């Protein structure tokens, strides 16, 4: 009886791999993340079925308590961490803490005078037939998400402003 159950599980696992997991692996990083979440879910299901889920909840509770105690320290030292990561070349942008970027974007500070109209339309995501109101609305929408005060960076905001200026002249 146990052999039949194991054989059925093996066939089901093989079928899932062929039908689903190969597609997820082909998706790259996102697919691997999905596979990891599925494996974690299956492990939790196994723990629940074997009666070991309370131990997991105890561990998760202790981890959450530790995170809640360390979160204020992380927020407090975030500017230092951002500078350290930027210094080591690991951070994409030094604006992790909401401060100004210590790296300059030399050579890419394009103004509205040097930006082409097609490039400005591409940056704002508007068509060639877009009127003044559509351009302003697109700029506002993007700026609401990419402004340095909202978690964006100064370079992106300056590109958006240059694109708006180029198209509204």
C-alpha atoms as a PDB file:
ATOM      1  CA  UNK A   1       0.000   0.000   0.000  1.00  0.00           C
ATOM      2  CA  UNK A   2       2.807   2.431   0.915  1.00  0.00           C
ATOM      3  CA  UNK A   3       4.579   1.611  -2.324  1.00  0.00           C
ATOM      4  CA  UNK A   4       1.497   2.543  -4.357  1.00  0.00           C
ATOM      5  CA  UNK A   5       1.163   5.896  -2.546  1.00  0.00           C
ATOM      6  CA  UNK A   6       4.856   6.668  -3.072  1.00  0.00           C
ATOM      7  CA  UNK A   7       4.611   5.711  -6.731  1.00  0.00           C
ATOM      8  CA  UNK A   8       1.529   7.927  -7.172  1.00  0.00           C
ATOM      9  CA  UNK A   9       3.340  10.842  -5.494  1.00  0.00           C
ATOM     10  CA  UNK A  10       6.368  10.309  -7.739  1.00  0.00           C
ATOM     11  CA  UNK A  11       4.192  10.322 -10.874  1.00  0.00           C
ATOM     12  CA  UNK A  12       2.358  13.453  -9.676  1.00  0.00           C
ATOM     13  CA  UNK A  13       5.663  15.205  -8.919  1.00  0.00           C
ATOM     14  CA  UNK A  14       7.034  14.297 -12.356  1.00  0.00           C
ATOM     15  CA  UNK A  15       3.863  15.566 -14.063  1.00  0.00           C
ATOM     16  CA  UNK A  16       4.000  18.857 -12.113  1.00  0.00           C
ATOM     17  CA  UNK A  17       7.631  19.270 -13.044  1.00  0.00           C
ATOM     18  CA  UNK A  18       6.972  18.693 -16.732  1.00  0.00           C
ATOM     19  CA  UNK A  19       3.831  20.825 -16.921  1.00  0.00           C
ATOM     20  CA  UNK A  20       4.519  23.655 -14.512  1.00  0.00           C
ATOM     21  CA  UNK A  21       8.004  23.901 -13.011  1.00  0.00           C
ATOM     22  CA  UNK A  22       9.881  23.887 -16.327  1.00  0.00           C
ATOM     23  CA  UNK A  23       7.864  26.939 -17.374  1.00  0.00           C
ATOM     24  CA  UNK A  24       8.627  28.643 -14.070  1.00  0.00           C
ATOM     25  CA  UNK A  25      12.342  27.935 -14.384  1.00  0.00           C
ATOM     26  CA  UNK A  26      12.275  29.428 -17.883  1.00  0.00           C
ATOM     27  CA  UNK A  27      10.860  32.668 -16.404  1.00  0.00           C
ATOM     28  CA  UNK A  28      14.173  33.276 -14.659  1.00  0.00           C
ATOM     29  CA  UNK A  29      14.332  35.038 -11.319  1.00  0.00           C
ATOM     30  CA  UNK A  30      10.558  35.529 -10.975  1.00  0.00           C
ATOM     31  CA  UNK A  31       9.914  31.872 -11.719  1.00  0.00           C
ATOM     32  CA  UNK A  32      12.493  30.755  -9.178  1.00  0.00           C
ATOM     33  CA  UNK A  33      10.840  32.973  -6.575  1.00  0.00           C
ATOM     34  CA  UNK A  34       7.490  31.347  -7.336  1.00  0.00           C
ATOM     35  CA  UNK A  35       9.062  27.898  -6.991  1.00  0.00           C
ATOM     36  CA  UNK A  36      10.565  28.889  -3.638  1.00  0.00           C
ATOM     37  CA  UNK A  37       7.161  30.079  -2.392  1.00  0.00           C
ATOM     38  CA  UNK A  38       5.540  26.833  -3.554  1.00  0.00           C
ATOM     39  CA  UNK A  39       8.209  24.772  -1.773  1.00  0.00           C
ATOM     40  CA  UNK A  40       7.753  26.814   1.416  1.00  0.00           C
ATOM     41  CA  UNK A  41       3.992  26.281   1.199  1.00  0.00           C
ATOM     42  CA  UNK A  42       4.437  22.542   0.713  1.00  0.00           C
ATOM     43  CA  UNK A  43       6.840  22.369   3.658  1.00  0.00           C
ATOM     44  CA  UNK A  44       4.327  24.208   5.821  1.00  0.00           C
ATOM     45  CA  UNK A  45       1.624  21.784   4.692  1.00  0.00           C
ATOM     46  CA  UNK A  46       3.883  18.854   5.580  1.00  0.00           C
ATOM     47  CA  UNK A  47       4.587  20.359   9.006  1.00  0.00           C
ATOM     48  CA  UNK A  48       0.878  20.894   9.607  1.00  0.00           C
ATOM     49  CA  UNK A  49       0.031  17.329   8.570  1.00  0.00           C
ATOM     50  CA  UNK A  50       2.690  15.852  10.856  1.00  0.00           C
ATOM     51  CA  UNK A  51       1.750  18.041  13.831  1.00  0.00           C
ATOM     52  CA  UNK A  52       4.918  20.133  13.874  1.00  0.00           C
ATOM     53  CA  UNK A  53       3.358  23.457  12.824  1.00  0.00           C
ATOM     54  CA  UNK A  54       3.270  24.847  16.411  1.00  0.00           C
ATOM     55  CA  UNK A  55       7.070  24.703  16.496  1.00  0.00           C
ATOM     56  CA  UNK A  56       7.168  26.716  13.282  1.00  0.00           C
ATOM     57  CA  UNK A  57       4.773  29.300  14.715  1.00  0.00           C
ATOM     58  CA  UNK A  58       6.958  29.598  17.809  1.00  0.00           C
ATOM     59  CA  UNK A  59      10.009  30.225  15.650  1.00  0.00           C
ATOM     60  CA  UNK A  60       8.136  32.771  13.498  1.00  0.00           C
ATOM     61  CA  UNK A  61       6.865  34.583  16.600  1.00  0.00           C
ATOM     62  CA  UNK A  62      10.381  34.841  18.008  1.00  0.00           C
ATOM     63  CA  UNK A  63      11.704  36.089  14.664  1.00  0.00           C
ATOM     64  CA  UNK A  64       8.954  38.722  14.412  1.00  0.00           C
ATOM     65  CA  UNK A  65       9.727  39.940  17.928  1.00  0.00           C
ATOM     66  CA  UNK A  66      13.401  40.250  17.039  1.00  0.00           C
ATOM     67  CA  UNK A  67      12.601  42.164  13.848  1.00  0.00           C
ATOM     68  CA  UNK A  68      10.293  44.550  15.715  1.00  0.00           C
ATOM     69  CA  UNK A  69      13.031  45.273  18.242  1.00  0.00           C
ATOM     70  CA  UNK A  70      15.701  45.809  15.585  1.00  0.00           C
ATOM     71  CA  UNK A  71      13.560  47.824  13.137  1.00  0.00           C
ATOM     72  CA  UNK A  72      14.143  51.189  14.896  1.00  0.00           C
ATOM     73  CA  UNK A  73      17.904  50.601  14.749  1.00  0.00           C
ATOM     74  CA  UNK A  74      17.708  49.786  11.058  1.00  0.00           C
ATOM     75  CA  UNK A  75      15.755  52.970  10.359  1.00  0.00           C
ATOM     76  CA  UNK A  76      18.149  54.988  12.493  1.00  0.00           C
ATOM     77  CA  UNK A  77      21.274  53.719  10.755  1.00  0.00           C
ATOM     78  CA  UNK A  78      19.850  53.546   7.226  1.00  0.00           C
ATOM     79  CA  UNK A  79      21.784  56.627   5.976  1.00  0.00           C
ATOM     80  CA  UNK A  80      25.045  55.065   7.155  1.00  0.00           C
ATOM     81  CA  UNK A  81      24.109  51.764   5.553  1.00  0.00           C
ATOM     82  CA  UNK A  82      23.281  53.521   2.282  1.00  0.00           C
ATOM     83  CA  UNK A  83      26.646  55.299   2.285  1.00  0.00           C
ATOM     84  CA  UNK A  84      28.444  52.035   3.033  1.00  0.00           C
ATOM     85  CA  UNK A  85      26.670  50.171   0.241  1.00  0.00           C
ATOM     86  CA  UNK A  86      27.313  53.045  -2.143  1.00  0.00           C
ATOM     87  CA  UNK A  87      30.967  53.150  -1.170  1.00  0.00           C
ATOM     88  CA  UNK A  88      31.360  49.420  -1.780  1.00  0.00           C
ATOM     89  CA  UNK A  89      29.530  49.750  -5.095  1.00  0.00           C
ATOM     90  CA  UNK A  90      26.649  47.495  -4.021  1.00  0.00           C
ATOM     91  CA  UNK A  91      23.832  50.022  -4.038  1.00  0.00           C
ATOM     92  CA  UNK A  92      22.174  51.026  -7.294  1.00  0.00           C
ATOM     93  CA  UNK A  93      21.438  54.455  -5.885  1.00  0.00           C
ATOM     94  CA  UNK A  94      22.494  56.195  -2.702  1.00  0.00           C
ATOM     95  CA  UNK A  95      18.955  57.476  -2.167  1.00  0.00           C
ATOM     96  CA  UNK A  96      18.070  54.450  -0.001  1.00  0.00           C
ATOM     97  CA  UNK A  97      17.517  56.654   3.000  1.00  0.00           C
ATOM     98  CA  UNK A  98      15.812  59.443   1.109  1.00  0.00           C
ATOM     99  CA  UNK A  99      18.908  61.622   1.162  1.00  0.00           C
ATOM    100  CA  UNK A 100      20.682  63.079  -1.789  1.00  0.00           C
ATOM    101  CA  UNK A 101      22.758  60.921  -4.027  1.00  0.00           C
ATOM    102  CA  UNK A 102      26.478  61.053  -3.412  1.00  0.00           C
ATOM    103  CA  UNK A 103      27.192  59.901  -6.961  1.00  0.00           C
ATOM    104  CA  UNK A 104      26.755  62.286  -9.806  1.00  0.00           C
ATOM    105  CA  UNK A 105      25.276  61.249 -13.111  1.00  0.00           C
ATOM    106  CA  UNK A 106      27.948  62.904 -15.204  1.00  0.00           C
ATOM    107  CA  UNK A 107      27.367  63.025 -18.901  1.00  0.00           C
ATOM    108  CA  UNK A 108      23.693  62.168 -18.645  1.00  0.00           C
ATOM    109  CA  UNK A 109      22.319  65.444 -17.308  1.00  0.00           C
ATOM    110  CA  UNK A 110      20.331  66.186 -20.408  1.00  0.00           C
ATOM    111  CA  UNK A 111      18.362  69.408 -20.583  1.00  0.00           C
ATOM    112  CA  UNK A 112      15.208  70.178 -22.495  1.00  0.00           C
ATOM    113  CA  UNK A 113      17.313  71.907 -25.168  1.00  0.00           C
ATOM    114  CA  UNK A 114      19.321  68.780 -26.009  1.00  0.00           C
ATOM    115  CA  UNK A 115      16.497  66.256 -25.629  1.00  0.00           C
ATOM    116  CA  UNK A 116      14.677  65.271 -28.806  1.00  0.00           C
ATOM    117  CA  UNK A 117      10.906  65.500 -28.977  1.00  0.00           C
ATOM    118  CA  UNK A 118      10.603  61.754 -29.605  1.00  0.00           C
ATOM    119  CA  UNK A 119      12.730  60.992 -26.554  1.00  0.00           C
ATOM    120  CA  UNK A 120      10.675  63.371 -24.418  1.00  0.00           C
ATOM    121  CA  UNK A 121       7.447  61.687 -25.563  1.00  0.00           C
ATOM    122  CA  UNK A 122       8.930  58.273 -24.791  1.00  0.00           C
ATOM    123  CA  UNK A 123       9.978  59.360 -21.296  1.00  0.00           C
ATOM    124  CA  UNK A 124       6.510  60.700 -20.490  1.00  0.00           C
ATOM    125  CA  UNK A 125       4.764  57.849 -22.294  1.00  0.00           C
ATOM    126  CA  UNK A 126       2.575  60.053 -24.476  1.00  0.00           C
ATOM    127  CA  UNK A 127       1.755  59.717 -28.156  1.00  0.00           C
ATOM    128  CA  UNK A 128       2.764  62.158 -30.876  1.00  0.00           C
ATOM    129  CA  UNK A 129      -0.819  63.463 -30.950  1.00  0.00           C
ATOM    130  CA  UNK A 130      -0.913  64.247 -27.213  1.00  0.00           C
ATOM    131  CA  UNK A 131      -2.049  67.758 -26.370  1.00  0.00           C
ATOM    132  CA  UNK A 132      -0.797  70.064 -23.607  1.00  0.00           C
ATOM    133  CA  UNK A 133      -3.216  68.685 -20.973  1.00  0.00           C
ATOM    134  CA  UNK A 134      -2.222  65.053 -21.645  1.00  0.00           C
ATOM    135  CA  UNK A 135       1.463  65.935 -21.349  1.00  0.00           C
ATOM    136  CA  UNK A 136       0.896  67.727 -18.040  1.00  0.00           C
ATOM    137  CA  UNK A 137      -1.250  64.846 -16.734  1.00  0.00           C
ATOM    138  CA  UNK A 138       1.403  62.272 -17.700  1.00  0.00           C
ATOM    139  CA  UNK A 139       4.101  64.379 -16.035  1.00  0.00           C
ATOM    140  CA  UNK A 140       2.048  64.722 -12.836  1.00  0.00           C
ATOM    141  CA  UNK A 141       1.299  61.005 -12.732  1.00  0.00           C
ATOM    142  CA  UNK A 142       4.927  59.988 -13.176  1.00  0.00           C
ATOM    143  CA  UNK A 143       6.232  62.681 -10.840  1.00  0.00           C
ATOM    144  CA  UNK A 144       3.827  61.531  -8.120  1.00  0.00           C
ATOM    145  CA  UNK A 145       5.635  58.186  -8.161  1.00  0.00           C
ATOM    146  CA  UNK A 146       9.200  59.190  -9.023  1.00  0.00           C
ATOM    147  CA  UNK A 147       9.718  62.426  -7.061  1.00  0.00           C
ATOM    148  CA  UNK A 148      12.687  62.307  -4.658  1.00  0.00           C
ATOM    149  CA  UNK A 149      10.347  63.047  -1.742  1.00  0.00           C
ATOM    150  CA  UNK A 150       8.285  59.974  -2.689  1.00  0.00           C
ATOM    151  CA  UNK A 151      11.193  57.538  -2.948  1.00  0.00           C
ATOM    152  CA  UNK A 152      12.402  58.329  -6.459  1.00  0.00           C
ATOM    153  CA  UNK A 153      15.701  59.964  -7.284  1.00  0.00           C
ATOM    154  CA  UNK A 154      16.731  63.397  -8.500  1.00  0.00           C
ATOM    155  CA  UNK A 155      18.006  62.203 -11.867  1.00  0.00           C
ATOM    156  CA  UNK A 156      14.662  60.654 -12.872  1.00  0.00           C
ATOM    157  CA  UNK A 157      12.787  63.737 -11.682  1.00  0.00           C
ATOM    158  CA  UNK A 158      15.071  66.003 -13.713  1.00  0.00           C
ATOM    159  CA  UNK A 159      14.530  63.846 -16.822  1.00  0.00           C
ATOM    160  CA  UNK A 160      10.762  64.077 -16.361  1.00  0.00           C
ATOM    161  CA  UNK A 161      10.961  67.848 -15.939  1.00  0.00           C
ATOM    162  CA  UNK A 162      13.183  68.211 -19.013  1.00  0.00           C
ATOM    163  CA  UNK A 163      10.774  66.091 -21.070  1.00  0.00           C
ATOM    164  CA  UNK A 164       7.798  68.188 -19.939  1.00  0.00           C
ATOM    165  CA  UNK A 165       9.635  71.425 -20.726  1.00  0.00           C
ATOM    166  CA  UNK A 166      10.618  70.127 -24.169  1.00  0.00           C
ATOM    167  CA  UNK A 167       7.042  69.197 -25.061  1.00  0.00           C
ATOM    168  CA  UNK A 168       5.279  72.247 -23.587  1.00  0.00           C
ATOM    169  CA  UNK A 169       7.435  74.945 -25.187  1.00  0.00           C
END
